[in-house]
């Protein structure tokens, strides 16, 4: 079986990209890189410094000034990686509800995206990596051999996000989580599209293990035409 050097997983907020990406990377012995944490880290610092999130220039300057690192897990607390900003561990801080609500506003600025993409491409070029995000297959690594676009319904994504927050001791009303995700969908619509050669997977009724199995089964055919599959009619 041919194993692509770079695998991209894109899709909307709450679709399960992070869980799938981490499991797939573990299965292959690859680096797992959730590119969205870079935007979250930038958003966290912008909020702390009380920057105007509509001030593109200030956010672009901040993106170039701070040092964002994505490292192997440093603490056995359920994390998939450790995120540091200028040496500070912000792994869980970047998952706060206020960051969830603001990250799309920060990431929409072209200058911010340009700087983040540059850093993401540097990591992707090293190879043997599973990269997860919104526009990895279309913008960041358009020549990746295997591209996955992970879909899930809005209700399912809200349910999953609520479950994640409960595990971290956070309690947010399901209706609020659903509204926040719907708002992010609207803000992210300009990048929420699959690459023309992506395999599209609906994850509503699939466990992460079955999603991984589905991808591994299709690795030999990564050069075929785009194929859309549904968890309701595809055996995995």
Protein backbone atom coordinates (compact mmCIF):
# COMPACT_ATOMS: atom_id res chain seq x y z
CA UNK A 1 0.00 0.00 0.00
CA UNK A 2 1.29 3.43 -0.96
CA UNK A 3 1.39 5.75 2.06
CA UNK A 4 1.21 9.46 1.20
CA UNK A 5 3.82 11.69 2.81
CA UNK A 6 1.25 14.36 3.63
CA UNK A 7 -2.40 13.70 4.51
CA UNK A 8 -4.79 16.60 4.91
CA UNK A 9 -8.08 16.57 6.82
CA UNK A 10 -10.38 19.57 6.41
CA UNK A 11 -13.94 20.25 7.50
CA UNK A 12 -16.19 22.46 9.63
CA UNK A 13 -15.91 23.10 13.36
CA UNK A 14 -16.83 20.13 15.52
CA UNK A 15 -16.78 17.53 12.74
CA UNK A 16 -14.21 15.42 14.60
CA UNK A 17 -11.12 16.36 12.58
CA UNK A 18 -8.82 16.49 15.60
CA UNK A 19 -9.79 13.08 16.94
CA UNK A 20 -9.54 11.51 13.48
CA UNK A 21 -6.25 13.20 12.68
CA UNK A 22 -4.64 12.10 15.94
CA UNK A 23 -5.75 8.48 15.52
CA UNK A 24 -4.64 8.33 11.89
CA UNK A 25 -1.25 9.83 12.71
CA UNK A 26 -0.78 7.33 15.54
CA UNK A 27 -1.70 4.46 13.22
CA UNK A 28 0.85 5.57 10.60
CA UNK A 29 3.56 6.79 12.98
CA UNK A 30 3.17 10.31 11.58
CA UNK A 31 3.28 13.74 13.18
CA UNK A 32 -0.20 15.02 14.05
CA UNK A 33 -0.55 18.75 13.37
CA UNK A 34 -3.84 20.52 14.08
CA UNK A 35 -3.20 23.82 12.29
CA UNK A 36 -6.21 25.46 13.94
CA UNK A 37 -4.37 25.65 17.27
CA UNK A 38 -2.12 28.32 15.78
CA UNK A 39 -5.11 30.58 15.12
CA UNK A 40 -6.50 29.78 18.54
CA UNK A 41 -3.22 30.66 20.22
CA UNK A 42 -3.07 33.96 18.36
CA UNK A 43 -6.68 34.69 19.31
CA UNK A 44 -6.01 33.95 22.98
CA UNK A 45 -3.11 36.40 23.12
CA UNK A 46 -5.09 39.03 21.19
CA UNK A 47 -7.92 38.75 23.72
CA UNK A 48 -5.52 38.94 26.65
CA UNK A 49 -3.98 42.09 25.20
CA UNK A 50 -7.43 43.51 24.48
CA UNK A 51 -6.65 44.07 20.82
CA UNK A 52 -9.40 45.15 18.46
CA UNK A 53 -10.19 41.94 16.57
CA UNK A 54 -11.09 44.02 13.52
CA UNK A 55 -7.64 45.65 13.50
CA UNK A 56 -5.96 43.60 10.79
CA UNK A 57 -2.59 45.35 11.08
CA UNK A 58 -2.32 44.83 14.85
CA UNK A 59 -3.18 41.15 14.52
CA UNK A 60 -0.73 40.63 11.65
CA UNK A 61 2.04 42.20 13.72
CA UNK A 62 1.14 40.01 16.69
CA UNK A 63 1.24 36.90 14.48
CA UNK A 64 4.81 37.74 13.48
CA UNK A 65 5.93 38.66 17.00
CA UNK A 66 4.82 35.72 19.13
CA UNK A 67 6.36 32.26 18.99
CA UNK A 68 3.79 29.47 18.69
CA UNK A 69 5.01 25.91 19.19
CA UNK A 70 3.08 22.66 18.75
CA UNK A 71 4.87 19.89 20.64
CA UNK A 72 4.35 16.31 21.73
CA UNK A 73 2.04 15.94 24.78
CA UNK A 74 3.89 17.04 27.90
CA UNK A 75 1.27 16.13 30.52
CA UNK A 76 -0.94 13.01 30.78
CA UNK A 77 -4.19 14.98 31.02
CA UNK A 78 -5.86 13.83 27.82
CA UNK A 79 -4.20 16.34 25.52
CA UNK A 80 -3.20 15.33 21.98
CA UNK A 81 -0.34 17.84 21.85
CA UNK A 82 1.11 20.71 23.85
CA UNK A 83 0.70 24.25 22.56
CA UNK A 84 3.06 26.91 23.86
CA UNK A 85 3.15 30.64 23.19
CA UNK A 86 6.46 32.26 24.08
CA UNK A 87 7.14 29.32 26.40
CA UNK A 88 3.74 29.32 28.16
CA UNK A 89 1.60 26.17 28.00
CA UNK A 90 -1.78 27.32 26.64
CA UNK A 91 -3.05 23.91 25.50
CA UNK A 92 -6.34 24.12 27.40
CA UNK A 93 -6.63 27.90 27.51
CA UNK A 94 -7.06 28.04 23.74
CA UNK A 95 -10.21 25.88 24.09
CA UNK A 96 -12.05 28.45 26.22
CA UNK A 97 -15.52 29.50 24.96
CA UNK A 98 -14.39 33.09 24.37
CA UNK A 99 -11.63 31.81 22.08
CA UNK A 100 -14.13 29.58 20.26
CA UNK A 101 -16.29 32.61 19.55
CA UNK A 102 -13.46 34.89 18.42
CA UNK A 103 -11.09 32.66 16.44
CA UNK A 104 -12.94 32.98 13.12
CA UNK A 105 -12.93 36.75 13.44
CA UNK A 106 -9.16 36.73 13.88
CA UNK A 107 -8.40 34.17 11.19
CA UNK A 108 -10.40 35.94 8.47
CA UNK A 109 -7.75 38.66 8.06
CA UNK A 110 -5.65 37.90 4.94
CA UNK A 111 -2.38 39.02 6.54
CA UNK A 112 -2.93 36.76 9.54
CA UNK A 113 -3.68 33.80 7.30
CA UNK A 114 -0.63 34.49 5.15
CA UNK A 115 1.67 34.32 8.16
CA UNK A 116 -0.01 31.24 9.62
CA UNK A 117 0.03 29.44 6.26
CA UNK A 118 3.73 30.17 5.85
CA UNK A 119 4.49 28.52 9.19
CA UNK A 120 2.17 25.60 8.47
CA UNK A 121 3.79 24.94 5.09
CA UNK A 122 7.22 24.80 6.71
CA UNK A 123 5.99 21.93 8.90
CA UNK A 124 4.14 20.18 6.08
CA UNK A 125 7.18 20.10 3.83
CA UNK A 126 8.99 17.90 6.33
CA UNK A 127 6.64 15.05 5.38
CA UNK A 128 5.14 12.14 7.30
CA UNK A 129 2.47 14.39 8.73
CA UNK A 130 -1.31 14.44 9.12
CA UNK A 131 -2.41 18.07 8.87
CA UNK A 132 -5.85 19.10 10.10
CA UNK A 133 -7.64 22.39 9.47
CA UNK A 134 -10.02 24.31 7.22
CA UNK A 135 -8.02 24.98 4.06
CA UNK A 136 -5.11 22.55 4.22
CA UNK A 137 -6.00 20.65 1.07
CA UNK A 138 -6.93 23.76 -0.90
CA UNK A 139 -4.41 26.40 0.25
CA UNK A 140 -1.73 25.14 2.63
CA UNK A 141 -0.75 21.82 1.03
CA UNK A 142 -2.61 21.68 -2.32
CA UNK A 143 -0.25 19.00 -3.69
CA UNK A 144 -0.85 16.51 -0.86
CA UNK A 145 -1.52 13.05 -2.24
CA UNK A 146 -4.39 12.21 0.11
CA UNK A 147 -7.02 14.77 1.09
CA UNK A 148 -10.02 14.11 3.30
CA UNK A 149 -12.98 16.44 3.83
CA UNK A 150 -14.84 15.42 6.98
CA UNK A 151 -18.50 16.36 7.23
CA UNK A 152 -21.03 16.13 10.08
CA UNK A 153 -24.43 17.69 10.70
CA UNK A 154 -24.71 20.83 12.82
CA UNK A 155 -26.64 19.02 15.55
CA UNK A 156 -24.06 16.24 15.75
CA UNK A 157 -21.19 18.70 15.88
CA UNK A 158 -22.87 20.63 18.71
CA UNK A 159 -23.45 17.41 20.65
CA UNK A 160 -19.80 16.40 20.30
CA UNK A 161 -18.53 19.82 21.35
CA UNK A 162 -20.78 19.79 24.43
CA UNK A 163 -19.42 16.36 25.39
CA UNK A 164 -15.83 17.60 25.01
CA UNK A 165 -16.53 20.60 27.24
CA UNK A 166 -18.15 18.45 29.93
CA UNK A 167 -15.01 16.30 30.04
CA UNK A 168 -13.03 19.47 30.78
CA UNK A 169 -15.45 20.55 33.49
CA UNK A 170 -17.14 23.21 31.38
CA UNK A 171 -20.91 23.51 31.11
CA UNK A 172 -22.35 25.45 28.19
CA UNK A 173 -25.94 25.16 27.05
CA UNK A 174 -26.29 22.98 23.96
CA UNK A 175 -28.28 25.73 22.24
CA UNK A 176 -25.43 28.19 22.81
CA UNK A 177 -22.84 25.75 21.47
CA UNK A 178 -24.98 25.12 18.41
CA UNK A 179 -25.34 28.86 17.80
CA UNK A 180 -21.60 29.40 18.20
CA UNK A 181 -20.80 26.65 15.69
CA UNK A 182 -23.37 27.98 13.22
CA UNK A 183 -21.80 31.43 13.53
CA UNK A 184 -18.34 29.97 12.88
CA UNK A 185 -19.69 28.19 9.83
CA UNK A 186 -20.90 31.52 8.48
CA UNK A 187 -17.59 33.25 9.18
CA UNK A 188 -15.58 30.35 7.73
CA UNK A 189 -17.71 29.75 4.64
CA UNK A 190 -15.02 31.24 2.37
CA UNK A 191 -12.59 28.43 3.26
CA UNK A 192 -15.03 25.63 4.06
CA UNK A 193 -14.92 23.76 0.80
CA UNK A 194 -13.28 20.47 -0.13
CA UNK A 195 -10.38 20.31 -2.55
CA UNK A 196 -11.42 19.10 -5.99
CA UNK A 197 -9.57 15.82 -5.43
CA UNK A 198 -10.65 15.25 -1.82
CA UNK A 199 -12.49 12.19 -0.53
CA UNK A 200 -15.58 13.40 1.33
CA UNK A 201 -16.59 11.47 4.44
CA UNK A 202 -19.79 12.01 6.45
CA UNK A 203 -18.99 11.08 10.04
CA UNK A 204 -22.41 11.38 11.71
CA UNK A 205 -22.78 7.65 12.35
CA UNK A 206 -19.14 6.56 12.35
CA UNK A 207 -16.80 6.04 15.27
CA UNK A 208 -13.30 7.51 14.91
CA UNK A 209 -11.87 3.97 14.55
CA UNK A 210 -14.18 3.25 11.63
CA UNK A 211 -13.24 6.56 10.02
CA UNK A 212 -9.57 5.59 10.22
CA UNK A 213 -10.33 2.19 8.71
CA UNK A 214 -12.25 3.85 5.86
CA UNK A 215 -9.27 6.09 5.05
CA UNK A 216 -6.71 3.29 5.24
CA UNK A 217 -8.79 1.20 2.85
CA UNK A 218 -8.70 4.00 0.29
CA UNK A 219 -5.02 4.90 0.40
CA UNK A 220 -4.17 2.90 -2.76
CA UNK A 221 -6.72 4.94 -4.76
CA UNK A 222 -5.79 8.46 -3.77
CA UNK A 223 -5.39 9.47 -7.42
CA UNK A 224 -8.95 8.57 -8.41
CA UNK A 225 -11.68 11.12 -9.09
CA UNK A 226 -13.39 12.73 -6.07
CA UNK A 227 -15.80 10.37 -4.36
CA UNK A 228 -18.50 11.35 -1.91
CA UNK A 229 -19.53 8.73 0.61
CA UNK A 230 -22.15 8.58 3.31
CA UNK A 231 -21.97 6.66 6.54
CA UNK A 232 -25.46 5.41 5.73
CA UNK A 233 -24.57 3.54 2.55
CA UNK A 234 -20.87 2.74 2.77
CA UNK A 235 -19.42 -0.35 4.42
CA UNK A 236 -16.33 0.42 6.47
